[in-house]
N, C-alpha and C. Protein backbone atom coordinates (compact mmCIF):
# COMPACT_ATOMS: atom_id res chain seq x y z
N MET A 1 161.54 35.16 43.42
CA MET A 1 161.20 35.66 42.13
C MET A 1 160.14 35.44 41.26
N HIS A 2 160.69 33.85 40.89
CA HIS A 2 159.53 32.99 40.13
C HIS A 2 157.99 32.93 41.06
N GLU A 3 158.16 32.86 42.24
CA GLU A 3 156.99 32.77 43.19
C GLU A 3 156.40 34.24 42.65
N MET A 4 156.85 35.38 42.88
CA MET A 4 156.78 36.80 42.70
C MET A 4 155.73 36.79 41.15
N LEU A 5 156.37 36.34 40.65
CA LEU A 5 156.03 36.71 39.00
C LEU A 5 154.34 35.76 39.00
N ASN A 6 154.28 34.56 39.32
CA ASN A 6 153.19 33.42 39.35
C ASN A 6 152.29 34.47 40.29
N THR A 7 152.28 35.02 41.29
CA THR A 7 151.09 35.50 42.18
C THR A 7 151.01 37.18 41.74
N TYR A 8 151.80 37.51 41.47
CA TYR A 8 151.32 38.82 40.98
C TYR A 8 151.46 39.18 39.81
N GLY A 9 151.85 38.28 38.81
CA GLY A 9 152.47 38.90 37.41
C GLY A 9 153.39 39.75 37.33
N SER A 10 153.29 40.37 35.91
CA SER A 10 154.58 41.61 35.42
C SER A 10 155.11 42.04 36.38
N CYS A 11 155.91 42.77 36.30
CA CYS A 11 156.70 43.73 37.08
C CYS A 11 157.65 44.64 36.57
N ALA A 12 157.56 44.72 35.48
CA ALA A 12 158.59 45.64 35.24
C ALA A 12 157.40 46.16 33.35
N LYS A 13 158.16 47.38 33.02
CA LYS A 13 157.55 48.06 31.56
C LYS A 13 158.87 48.93 31.31
N ILE A 14 159.33 49.16 29.89
CA ILE A 14 160.10 49.62 29.54
C ILE A 14 159.58 51.45 29.02
N ALA A 15 159.99 52.26 29.66
CA ALA A 15 159.88 53.71 29.30
C ALA A 15 160.24 54.45 28.00
N TYR A 16 159.47 54.88 27.51
CA TYR A 16 160.11 55.89 26.00
C TYR A 16 160.14 57.09 26.10
N TYR A 17 161.26 57.51 25.60
CA TYR A 17 161.54 58.99 25.17
C TYR A 17 161.83 59.47 23.76
N ASN A 18 161.06 59.87 23.23
CA ASN A 18 161.12 60.37 21.73
C ASN A 18 161.23 59.11 20.92
N GLU A 19 160.22 57.79 21.29
CA GLU A 19 159.88 56.94 20.91
C GLU A 19 161.08 55.89 21.03
N LYS A 20 161.99 56.15 21.47
CA LYS A 20 163.17 55.32 22.29
C LYS A 20 163.33 54.88 23.41
N PRO A 21 163.43 53.56 23.55
CA PRO A 21 163.51 53.21 24.84
C PRO A 21 164.31 54.02 25.83
N ALA A 22 164.23 54.53 26.86
CA ALA A 22 165.05 55.31 27.77
C ALA A 22 165.32 54.83 29.12
N ALA A 23 164.43 53.84 29.96
CA ALA A 23 164.70 53.50 30.86
C ALA A 23 163.62 52.12 31.19
N GLU A 24 163.81 51.43 32.21
CA GLU A 24 163.10 50.22 32.66
C GLU A 24 162.34 50.37 34.01
N ILE A 25 161.08 50.56 34.35
CA ILE A 25 160.70 50.62 35.20
C ILE A 25 160.32 49.55 35.62
N LEU A 26 160.90 49.07 37.04
CA LEU A 26 160.28 47.97 38.07
C LEU A 26 159.35 48.51 39.30
N TYR A 27 158.21 47.41 39.43
CA TYR A 27 157.67 48.01 40.25
C TYR A 27 156.89 46.44 41.18
N TYR A 28 156.58 46.27 42.08
CA TYR A 28 155.82 45.14 42.83
C TYR A 28 155.48 45.50 44.48
N PRO A 29 154.38 44.85 44.39
CA PRO A 29 153.62 44.88 45.50
C PRO A 29 154.46 44.88 46.79
N GLU A 30 154.43 45.70 47.57
CA GLU A 30 155.76 45.91 49.08
C GLU A 30 155.49 44.72 49.65
N GLU A 31 153.91 44.00 49.85
CA GLU A 31 153.50 42.63 50.73
C GLU A 31 154.52 41.66 50.10
N ALA A 32 155.00 41.99 48.75
CA ALA A 32 155.90 40.55 48.36
C ALA A 32 157.05 40.58 48.82
N ASP A 33 157.43 41.78 49.28
CA ASP A 33 159.08 41.87 49.54
C ASP A 33 159.20 41.05 51.11
N VAL A 34 159.75 40.01 50.78
CA VAL A 34 160.25 38.98 52.04
C VAL A 34 161.21 40.16 53.26
N THR A 35 162.00 40.97 52.78
CA THR A 35 162.98 41.76 53.26
C THR A 35 162.58 42.73 54.35
N LYS A 36 161.43 43.03 54.19
CA LYS A 36 160.84 43.92 54.64
C LYS A 36 159.70 43.55 55.77
N GLU A 37 159.88 43.91 57.28
CA GLU A 37 159.67 43.64 58.83
C GLU A 37 157.89 43.95 58.47
N PHE A 38 157.81 45.03 57.90
CA PHE A 38 156.33 45.69 58.24
C PHE A 38 156.19 45.92 56.34
N ARG A 39 155.07 44.80 55.95
CA ARG A 39 154.48 45.24 54.78
C ARG A 39 152.99 45.60 54.53
N ARG A 40 152.78 46.67 53.94
CA ARG A 40 151.61 47.27 53.50
C ARG A 40 151.05 46.67 52.35
N GLU A 41 149.70 46.21 53.00
CA GLU A 41 148.88 45.67 51.28
C GLU A 41 148.71 46.93 50.39
N GLY A 42 148.06 46.96 49.11
CA GLY A 42 147.96 48.08 48.53
C GLY A 42 149.14 48.86 47.89
N VAL A 43 150.37 49.06 48.89
CA VAL A 43 151.47 49.69 48.25
C VAL A 43 152.42 49.38 47.31
N LEU A 44 153.02 49.68 46.11
CA LEU A 44 153.69 49.14 45.55
C LEU A 44 155.37 50.13 45.41
N ILE A 45 155.77 49.44 45.21
CA ILE A 45 157.84 49.81 45.34
C ILE A 45 158.01 49.90 43.77
N ILE A 46 158.08 51.45 43.69
CA ILE A 46 158.78 51.35 42.25
C ILE A 46 160.17 51.78 41.96
N ASN A 47 161.01 51.38 41.05
CA ASN A 47 162.42 51.32 41.05
C ASN A 47 162.56 52.06 39.40
N CYS A 48 163.42 52.94 39.04
CA CYS A 48 163.68 53.10 37.66
C CYS A 48 165.23 53.15 37.40
N ILE A 49 165.42 52.42 36.30
CA ILE A 49 166.61 51.82 35.90
C ILE A 49 166.71 52.62 35.01
N TYR A 50 167.66 53.91 34.87
CA TYR A 50 167.59 54.60 33.97
C TYR A 50 168.75 54.68 33.01
N THR A 51 168.55 54.75 31.79
CA THR A 51 169.95 54.70 30.75
C THR A 51 169.77 55.87 29.73
N VAL A 52 170.64 56.34 29.47
CA VAL A 52 170.56 57.64 28.56
C VAL A 52 171.68 57.15 27.27
N PRO A 53 171.14 56.78 26.11
CA PRO A 53 171.90 56.45 25.47
C PRO A 53 172.44 57.96 24.79
N GLY A 54 173.70 57.87 23.94
CA GLY A 54 174.29 59.46 23.17
C GLY A 54 173.07 59.94 22.40
N ASN A 55 172.61 59.20 22.00
CA ASN A 55 171.79 60.14 20.97
C ASN A 55 170.09 60.43 21.53
N LEU A 56 169.81 59.88 22.70
CA LEU A 56 168.95 59.41 22.89
C LEU A 56 168.29 60.84 23.20
N LEU A 57 168.99 61.78 23.46
CA LEU A 57 168.31 63.11 24.01
C LEU A 57 168.51 64.24 22.62
N GLU A 58 168.66 64.01 21.70
CA GLU A 58 169.08 64.79 20.49
C GLU A 58 167.58 64.37 20.02
N ASN A 59 167.11 65.65 19.42
CA ASN A 59 166.13 65.93 18.37
C ASN A 59 166.14 64.72 17.48
N PRO A 60 164.93 64.09 17.17
CA PRO A 60 164.55 63.25 16.12
C PRO A 60 164.84 63.88 14.79
């Protein structure tokens, strides 16, 4: 992970809904994934860790 961060930079963003944090978006180049046998250049892997606190979906 440390080597990937040094090579490719940041790999996460926070997603907001109604101005409140709602999810963490993780992304990284497929070519950085050493577990894949075939890695394509220019392809991003994107994962969303979604959390919904009880009051997130209520109107502000």
